[in-house]
Amino acid sequence: MHQFPYNLSELKIGDIAIIDSFTDPVMSLKLLEMGCIPGERVELVKVAPMGDPIAIHVAGYLLSLRKAEASTVLIHQIRA
């Protein structure tokens, strides 16, 4: 289990993490509007057969993100 910030695209199905920050200012605005707020708990729920996109449970709903988008979200893993 990682203790330092790493990105959302690195989670495995069932992993739970807390959003820390963002690396892309433009993408961060879109993600903030979708409930991806620093301090929010996220869980990786599904991965498409080809590995992209991924589905995360965040802010009470299921959100689908491309891996490129997920890689801009820095997290702290709390449970593998």
PDB file of N, CA and C in Angstrom:
ATOM      1  N   MET A   1       0.851  -1.181   0.000  1.00  0.00           N
ATOM      2  CA  MET A   1       0.000   0.000   0.000  1.00  0.00           C
ATOM      3  C   MET A   1       0.890   1.235   0.000  1.00  0.00           C
ATOM      4  N   HIS A   2       0.593   2.174  -0.905  1.00  0.00           N
ATOM      5  CA  HIS A   2       1.344   3.424  -0.999  1.00  0.00           C
ATOM      6  C   HIS A   2       0.922   4.380   0.113  1.00  0.00           C
ATOM      7  N   GLN A   3       1.857   5.138   0.651  1.00  0.00           N
ATOM      8  CA  GLN A   3       1.552   6.132   1.660  1.00  0.00           C
ATOM      9  C   GLN A   3       1.690   7.552   1.109  1.00  0.00           C
ATOM     10  N   PHE A   4       2.477   7.723   0.070  1.00  0.00           N
ATOM     11  CA  PHE A   4       2.727   9.034  -0.511  1.00  0.00           C
ATOM     12  C   PHE A   4       1.741   9.306  -1.632  1.00  0.00           C
ATOM     13  N   PRO A   5       1.590  10.551  -2.057  1.00  0.00           N
ATOM     14  CA  PRO A   5       0.661  10.804  -3.172  1.00  0.00           C
ATOM     15  C   PRO A   5       1.083  10.073  -4.440  1.00  0.00           C
ATOM     16  N   TYR A   6       0.146   9.448  -5.090  1.00  0.00           N
ATOM     17  CA  TYR A   6       0.326   8.863  -6.409  1.00  0.00           C
ATOM     18  C   TYR A   6      -0.977   9.065  -7.150  1.00  0.00           C
ATOM     19  N   ASN A   7      -1.079   8.635  -8.392  1.00  0.00           N
ATOM     20  CA  ASN A   7      -2.276   9.031  -9.134  1.00  0.00           C
ATOM     21  C   ASN A   7      -3.357   7.966  -9.168  1.00  0.00           C
ATOM     22  N   LEU A   8      -4.570   8.442  -9.386  1.00  0.00           N
ATOM     23  CA  LEU A   8      -5.782   7.627  -9.365  1.00  0.00           C
ATOM     24  C   LEU A   8      -5.741   6.482 -10.367  1.00  0.00           C
ATOM     25  N   SER A   9      -5.051   6.664 -11.469  1.00  0.00           N
ATOM     26  CA  SER A   9      -5.010   5.617 -12.495  1.00  0.00           C
ATOM     27  C   SER A   9      -4.222   4.388 -12.038  1.00  0.00           C
ATOM     28  N   GLU A  10      -3.519   4.463 -10.913  1.00  0.00           N
ATOM     29  CA  GLU A  10      -2.722   3.347 -10.404  1.00  0.00           C
ATOM     30  C   GLU A  10      -3.494   2.403  -9.478  1.00  0.00           C
ATOM     31  N   LEU A  11      -4.734   2.745  -9.119  1.00  0.00           N
ATOM     32  CA  LEU A  11      -5.517   1.894  -8.224  1.00  0.00           C
ATOM     33  C   LEU A  11      -5.901   0.584  -8.905  1.00  0.00           C
ATOM     34  N   LYS A  12      -6.120  -0.429  -8.087  1.00  0.00           N
ATOM     35  CA  LYS A  12      -6.650  -1.717  -8.539  1.00  0.00           C
ATOM     36  C   LYS A  12      -8.110  -1.799  -8.093  1.00  0.00           C
ATOM     37  N   ILE A  13      -8.895  -2.664  -8.727  1.00  0.00           N
ATOM     38  CA  ILE A  13     -10.306  -2.802  -8.370  1.00  0.00           C
ATOM     39  C   ILE A  13     -10.435  -3.108  -6.877  1.00  0.00           C
ATOM     40  N   GLY A  14     -11.302  -2.350  -6.212  1.00  0.00           N
ATOM     41  CA  GLY A  14     -11.536  -2.513  -4.788  1.00  0.00           C
ATOM     42  C   GLY A  14     -10.690  -1.609  -3.908  1.00  0.00           C
ATOM     43  N   ASP A  15      -9.636  -0.992  -4.466  1.00  0.00           N
ATOM     44  CA  ASP A  15      -8.801  -0.079  -3.684  1.00  0.00           C
ATOM     45  C   ASP A  15      -9.578   1.182  -3.331  1.00  0.00           C
ATOM     46  N   ILE A  16      -9.324   1.695  -2.150  1.00  0.00           N
ATOM     47  CA  ILE A  16      -9.963   2.921  -1.676  1.00  0.00           C
ATOM     48  C   ILE A  16      -8.881   3.936  -1.372  1.00  0.00           C
ATOM     49  N   ALA A  17      -9.138   5.192  -1.734  1.00  0.00           N
ATOM     50  CA  ALA A  17      -8.150   6.251  -1.535  1.00  0.00           C
ATOM     51  C   ALA A  17      -8.853   7.572  -1.237  1.00  0.00           C
ATOM     52  N   ILE A  18      -8.054   8.552  -0.860  1.00  0.00           N
ATOM     53  CA  ILE A  18      -8.532   9.903  -0.611  1.00  0.00           C
ATOM     54  C   ILE A  18      -7.880  10.829  -1.631  1.00  0.00           C
ATOM     55  N   ILE A  19      -8.667  11.683  -2.257  1.00  0.00           N
ATOM     56  CA  ILE A  19      -8.129  12.640  -3.227  1.00  0.00           C
ATOM     57  C   ILE A  19      -7.286  13.674  -2.487  1.00  0.00           C
ATOM     58  N   ASP A  20      -6.082  13.896  -2.995  1.00  0.00           N
ATOM     59  CA  ASP A  20      -5.146  14.840  -2.388  1.00  0.00           C
ATOM     60  C   ASP A  20      -5.112  16.161  -3.159  1.00  0.00           C
ATOM     61  N   SER A  21      -4.810  16.087  -4.463  1.00  0.00           N
ATOM     62  CA  SER A  21      -4.685  17.298  -5.284  1.00  0.00           C
ATOM     63  C   SER A  21      -4.719  16.912  -6.759  1.00  0.00           C
ATOM     64  N   PHE A  22      -4.460  17.878  -7.625  1.00  0.00           N
ATOM     65  CA  PHE A  22      -4.503  17.673  -9.080  1.00  0.00           C
ATOM     66  C   PHE A  22      -3.215  18.193  -9.714  1.00  0.00           C
ATOM     67  N   THR A  23      -2.852  17.610 -10.848  1.00  0.00           N
ATOM     68  CA  THR A  23      -1.647  18.062 -11.550  1.00  0.00           C
ATOM     69  C   THR A  23      -1.973  18.936 -12.758  1.00  0.00           C
ATOM     70  N   ASP A  24      -3.224  18.933 -13.205  1.00  0.00           N
ATOM     71  CA  ASP A  24      -3.627  19.696 -14.390  1.00  0.00           C
ATOM     72  C   ASP A  24      -4.726  20.686 -13.999  1.00  0.00           C
ATOM     73  N   PRO A  25      -4.437  21.999 -14.035  1.00  0.00           N
ATOM     74  CA  PRO A  25      -5.431  22.995 -13.604  1.00  0.00           C
ATOM     75  C   PRO A  25      -6.726  22.973 -14.415  1.00  0.00           C
ATOM     76  N   VAL A  26      -6.640  22.761 -15.716  1.00  0.00           N
ATOM     77  CA  VAL A  26      -7.840  22.755 -16.557  1.00  0.00           C
ATOM     78  C   VAL A  26      -8.697  21.535 -16.238  1.00  0.00           C
ATOM     79  N   MET A  27      -8.079  20.368 -16.182  1.00  0.00           N
ATOM     80  CA  MET A  27      -8.819  19.140 -15.875  1.00  0.00           C
ATOM     81  C   MET A  27      -9.362  19.181 -14.449  1.00  0.00           C
ATOM     82  N   SER A  28      -8.634  19.816 -13.532  1.00  0.00           N
ATOM     83  CA  SER A  28      -9.086  19.853 -12.141  1.00  0.00           C
ATOM     84  C   SER A  28     -10.428  20.562 -12.005  1.00  0.00           C
ATOM     85  N   LEU A  29     -10.675  21.597 -12.791  1.00  0.00           N
ATOM     86  CA  LEU A  29     -11.972  22.283 -12.731  1.00  0.00           C
ATOM     87  C   LEU A  29     -13.104  21.349 -13.124  1.00  0.00           C
ATOM     88  N   LYS A  30     -12.896  20.570 -14.180  1.00  0.00           N
ATOM     89  CA  LYS A  30     -13.917  19.612 -14.614  1.00  0.00           C
ATOM     90  C   LYS A  30     -14.145  18.544 -13.552  1.00  0.00           C
ATOM     91  N   LEU A  31     -13.066  18.043 -12.980  1.00  0.00           N
ATOM     92  CA  LEU A  31     -13.182  16.999 -11.963  1.00  0.00           C
ATOM     93  C   LEU A  31     -13.829  17.527 -10.691  1.00  0.00           C
ATOM     94  N   LEU A  32     -13.513  18.747 -10.295  1.00  0.00           N
ATOM     95  CA  LEU A  32     -14.137  19.352  -9.123  1.00  0.00           C
ATOM     96  C   LEU A  32     -15.645  19.459  -9.313  1.00  0.00           C
ATOM     97  N   GLU A  33     -16.076  19.835 -10.521  1.00  0.00           N
ATOM     98  CA  GLU A  33     -17.502  19.941 -10.819  1.00  0.00           C
ATOM     99  C   GLU A  33     -18.202  18.585 -10.746  1.00  0.00           C
ATOM    100  N   MET A  34     -17.440  17.497 -10.938  1.00  0.00           N
ATOM    101  CA  MET A  34     -18.015  16.151 -10.900  1.00  0.00           C
ATOM    102  C   MET A  34     -17.889  15.508  -9.523  1.00  0.00           C
ATOM    103  N   GLY A  35     -17.461  16.275  -8.519  1.00  0.00           N
ATOM    104  CA  GLY A  35     -17.407  15.752  -7.156  1.00  0.00           C
ATOM    105  C   GLY A  35     -16.060  15.240  -6.706  1.00  0.00           C
ATOM    106  N   CYS A  36     -15.048  15.345  -7.554  1.00  0.00           N
ATOM    107  CA  CYS A  36     -13.702  14.910  -7.175  1.00  0.00           C
ATOM    108  C   CYS A  36     -13.007  16.045  -6.430  1.00  0.00           C
ATOM    109  N   ILE A  37     -13.321  16.145  -5.151  1.00  0.00           N
ATOM    110  CA  ILE A  37     -12.844  17.246  -4.310  1.00  0.00           C
ATOM    111  C   ILE A  37     -11.755  16.711  -3.380  1.00  0.00           C
ATOM    112  N   PRO A  38     -10.672  17.471  -3.172  1.00  0.00           N
ATOM    113  CA  PRO A  38      -9.657  17.014  -2.212  1.00  0.00           C
ATOM    114  C   PRO A  38     -10.296  16.655  -0.869  1.00  0.00           C
ATOM    115  N   GLY A  39      -9.894  15.496  -0.342  1.00  0.00           N
ATOM    116  CA  GLY A  39     -10.468  14.981   0.896  1.00  0.00           C
ATOM    117  C   GLY A  39     -11.586  13.974   0.662  1.00  0.00           C
ATOM    118  N   GLU A  40     -12.089  13.899  -0.560  1.00  0.00           N
ATOM    119  CA  GLU A  40     -13.175  12.965  -0.902  1.00  0.00           C
ATOM    120  C   GLU A  40     -12.623  11.544  -1.046  1.00  0.00           C
ATOM    121  N   ARG A  41     -13.390  10.579  -0.570  1.00  0.00           N
ATOM    122  CA  ARG A  41     -13.040   9.159  -0.663  1.00  0.00           C
ATOM    123  C   ARG A  41     -13.429   8.651  -2.048  1.00  0.00           C
ATOM    124  N   VAL A  42     -12.553   7.866  -2.671  1.00  0.00           N
ATOM    125  CA  VAL A  42     -12.838   7.250  -3.969  1.00  0.00           C
ATOM    126  C   VAL A  42     -12.521   5.757  -3.906  1.00  0.00           C
ATOM    127  N   GLU A  43     -13.277   4.986  -4.668  1.00  0.00           N
ATOM    128  CA  GLU A  43     -13.024   3.546  -4.767  1.00  0.00           C
ATOM    129  C   GLU A  43     -13.066   3.157  -6.236  1.00  0.00           C
ATOM    130  N   LEU A  44     -12.060   2.409  -6.676  1.00  0.00           N
ATOM    131  CA  LEU A  44     -12.062   1.910  -8.046  1.00  0.00           C
ATOM    132  C   LEU A  44     -13.003   0.719  -8.113  1.00  0.00           C
ATOM    133  N   VAL A  45     -14.032   0.825  -8.953  1.00  0.00           N
ATOM    134  CA  VAL A  45     -15.076  -0.190  -9.027  1.00  0.00           C
ATOM    135  C   VAL A  45     -14.923  -1.089 -10.250  1.00  0.00           C
ATOM    136  N   LYS A  46     -14.629  -0.500 -11.408  1.00  0.00           N
ATOM    137  CA  LYS A  46     -14.558  -1.276 -12.652  1.00  0.00           C
ATOM    138  C   LYS A  46     -13.449  -0.743 -13.539  1.00  0.00           C
ATOM    139  N   VAL A  47     -12.934  -1.635 -14.391  1.00  0.00           N
ATOM    140  CA  VAL A  47     -11.980  -1.257 -15.430  1.00  0.00           C
ATOM    141  C   VAL A  47     -12.477  -1.885 -16.720  1.00  0.00           C
ATOM    142  N   ALA A  48     -12.526  -1.109 -17.786  1.00  0.00           N
ATOM    143  CA  ALA A  48     -12.979  -1.630 -19.079  1.00  0.00           C
ATOM    144  C   ALA A  48     -12.055  -2.761 -19.542  1.00  0.00           C
ATOM    145  N   PRO A  49     -12.555  -3.661 -20.383  1.00  0.00           N
ATOM    146  CA  PRO A  49     -11.761  -4.805 -20.834  1.00  0.00           C
ATOM    147  C   PRO A  49     -10.389  -4.439 -21.418  1.00  0.00           C
ATOM    148  N   MET A  50     -10.291  -3.319 -22.085  1.00  0.00           N
ATOM    149  CA  MET A  50      -9.008  -2.906 -22.655  1.00  0.00           C
ATOM    150  C   MET A  50      -8.220  -2.003 -21.694  1.00  0.00           C
ATOM    151  N   GLY A  51      -8.723  -1.840 -20.458  1.00  0.00           N
ATOM    152  CA  GLY A  51      -8.013  -1.064 -19.450  1.00  0.00           C
ATOM    153  C   GLY A  51      -8.378   0.404 -19.386  1.00  0.00           C
ATOM    154  N   ASP A  52      -9.205   0.881 -20.296  1.00  0.00           N
ATOM    155  CA  ASP A  52      -9.560   2.298 -20.340  1.00  0.00           C
ATOM    156  C   ASP A  52     -10.952   2.419 -20.936  1.00  0.00           C
ATOM    157  N   PRO A  53     -11.900   3.071 -20.308  1.00  0.00           N
ATOM    158  CA  PRO A  53     -11.826   3.899 -19.098  1.00  0.00           C
ATOM    159  C   PRO A  53     -11.951   3.071 -17.821  1.00  0.00           C
ATOM    160  N   ILE A  54     -11.923   3.795 -16.688  1.00  0.00           N
ATOM    161  CA  ILE A  54     -12.140   3.188 -15.385  1.00  0.00           C
ATOM    162  C   ILE A  54     -13.394   3.805 -14.774  1.00  0.00           C
ATOM    163  N   ALA A  55     -13.985   3.099 -13.816  1.00  0.00           N
ATOM    164  CA  ALA A  55     -15.161   3.622 -13.113  1.00  0.00           C
ATOM    165  C   ALA A  55     -14.827   3.708 -11.634  1.00  0.00           C
ATOM    166  N   ILE A  56     -15.059   4.890 -11.058  1.00  0.00           N
ATOM    167  CA  ILE A  56     -14.805   5.082  -9.627  1.00  0.00           C
ATOM    168  C   ILE A  56     -16.100   5.476  -8.931  1.00  0.00           C
ATOM    169  N   HIS A  57     -16.192   5.088  -7.681  1.00  0.00           N
ATOM    170  CA  HIS A  57     -17.310   5.527  -6.843  1.00  0.00           C
ATOM    171  C   HIS A  57     -16.810   6.747  -6.086  1.00  0.00           C
ATOM    172  N   VAL A  58     -17.442   7.891  -6.303  1.00  0.00           N
ATOM    173  CA  VAL A  58     -17.036   9.146  -5.661  1.00  0.00           C
ATOM    174  C   VAL A  58     -18.281   9.995  -5.438  1.00  0.00           C
ATOM    175  N   ALA A  59     -18.353  10.659  -4.299  1.00  0.00           N
ATOM    176  CA  ALA A  59     -19.450  11.593  -3.994  1.00  0.00           C
ATOM    177  C   ALA A  59     -20.830  10.966  -4.171  1.00  0.00           C
ATOM    178  N   GLY A  60     -20.945   9.672  -3.901  1.00  0.00           N
ATOM    179  CA  GLY A  60     -22.237   9.008  -3.945  1.00  0.00           C
ATOM    180  C   GLY A  60     -22.689   8.519  -5.307  1.00  0.00           C
ATOM    181  N   TYR A  61     -21.831   8.576  -6.304  1.00  0.00           N
ATOM    182  CA  TYR A  61     -22.227   8.050  -7.619  1.00  0.00           C
ATOM    183  C   TYR A  61     -21.036   7.426  -8.325  1.00  0.00           C
ATOM    184  N   LEU A  62     -21.302   6.752  -9.448  1.00  0.00           N
ATOM    185  CA  LEU A  62     -20.278   6.097 -10.246  1.00  0.00           C
ATOM    186  C   LEU A  62     -19.841   7.038 -11.362  1.00  0.00           C
ATOM    187  N   LEU A  63     -18.544   7.295 -11.443  1.00  0.00           N
ATOM    188  CA  LEU A  63     -17.983   8.218 -12.428  1.00  0.00           C
ATOM    189  C   LEU A  63     -17.003   7.463 -13.306  1.00  0.00           C
ATOM    190  N   SER A  64     -17.163   7.600 -14.612  1.00  0.00           N
ATOM    191  CA  SER A  64     -16.258   6.974 -15.564  1.00  0.00           C
ATOM    192  C   SER A  64     -15.231   8.005 -16.015  1.00  0.00           C
ATOM    193  N   LEU A  65     -13.952   7.615 -15.957  1.00  0.00           N
ATOM    194  CA  LEU A  65     -12.858   8.508 -16.355  1.00  0.00           C
ATOM    195  C   LEU A  65     -11.900   7.786 -17.280  1.00  0.00           C
ATOM    196  N   ARG A  66     -11.345   8.518 -18.227  1.00  0.00           N
ATOM    197  CA  ARG A  66     -10.255   7.973 -19.024  1.00  0.00           C
ATOM    198  C   ARG A  66      -9.023   7.893 -18.122  1.00  0.00           C
ATOM    199  N   LYS A  67      -8.114   6.969 -18.419  1.00  0.00           N
ATOM    200  CA  LYS A  67      -6.891   6.841 -17.619  1.00  0.00           C
ATOM    201  C   LYS A  67      -6.092   8.137 -17.642  1.00  0.00           C
ATOM    202  N   ALA A  68      -6.071   8.843 -18.765  1.00  0.00           N
ATOM    203  CA  ALA A  68      -5.338  10.109 -18.856  1.00  0.00           C
ATOM    204  C   ALA A  68      -5.912  11.136 -17.882  1.00  0.00           C
ATOM    205  N   GLU A  69      -7.241  11.151 -17.738  1.00  0.00           N
ATOM    206  CA  GLU A  69      -7.882  12.065 -16.784  1.00  0.00           C
ATOM    207  C   GLU A  69      -7.567  11.636 -15.350  1.00  0.00           C
ATOM    208  N   ALA A  70      -7.669  10.338 -15.084  1.00  0.00           N
ATOM    209  CA  ALA A  70      -7.410   9.820 -13.741  1.00  0.00           C
ATOM    210  C   ALA A  70      -5.962  10.051 -13.313  1.00  0.00           C
ATOM    211  N   SER A  71      -5.054  10.077 -14.261  1.00  0.00           N
ATOM    212  CA  SER A  71      -3.643  10.267 -13.914  1.00  0.00           C
ATOM    213  C   SER A  71      -3.344  11.680 -13.427  1.00  0.00           C
ATOM    214  N   THR A  72      -4.284  12.606 -13.594  1.00  0.00           N
ATOM    215  CA  THR A  72      -4.083  13.977 -13.113  1.00  0.00           C
ATOM    216  C   THR A  72      -4.553  14.161 -11.672  1.00  0.00           C
ATOM    217  N   VAL A  73      -5.135  13.101 -11.080  1.00  0.00           N
ATOM    218  CA  VAL A  73      -5.646  13.163  -9.710  1.00  0.00           C
ATOM    219  C   VAL A  73      -4.646  12.476  -8.774  1.00  0.00           C
ATOM    220  N   LEU A  74      -4.049  13.242  -7.864  1.00  0.00           N
ATOM    221  CA  LEU A  74      -3.128  12.677  -6.886  1.00  0.00           C
ATOM    222  C   LEU A  74      -3.918  12.231  -5.666  1.00  0.00           C
ATOM    223  N   ILE A  75      -3.578  11.036  -5.160  1.00  0.00           N
ATOM    224  CA  ILE A  75      -4.331  10.435  -4.056  1.00  0.00           C
ATOM    225  C   ILE A  75      -3.398   9.863  -2.995  1.00  0.00           C
ATOM    226  N   HIS A  76      -3.989   9.552  -1.843  1.00  0.00           N
ATOM    227  CA  HIS A  76      -3.347   8.761  -0.796  1.00  0.00           C
ATOM    228  C   HIS A  76      -4.209   7.517  -0.628  1.00  0.00           C
ATOM    229  N   GLN A  77      -3.637   6.351  -0.826  1.00  0.00           N
ATOM    230  CA  GLN A  77      -4.409   5.111  -0.662  1.00  0.00           C
ATOM    231  C   GLN A  77      -4.626   4.828   0.807  1.00  0.00           C
ATOM    232  N   ILE A  78      -5.860   4.442   1.159  1.00  0.00           N
ATOM    233  CA  ILE A  78      -6.138   4.113   2.553  1.00  0.00           C
ATOM    234  C   ILE A  78      -6.441   2.633   2.749  1.00  0.00           C
ATOM    235  N   ARG A  79      -6.827   1.931   1.662  1.00  0.00           N
ATOM    236  CA  ARG A  79      -7.086   0.493   1.774  1.00  0.00           C
ATOM    237  C   ARG A  79      -6.905  -0.178   0.427  1.00  0.00           C
ATOM    238  N   ALA A  80      -6.192  -1.280   0.446  1.00  0.00           N
ATOM    239  CA  ALA A  80      -5.997  -2.060  -0.793  1.00  0.00           C
ATOM    240  C   ALA A  80      -6.988  -3.200  -0.814  1.00  0.00           C
TER     241      ALA A  80
END
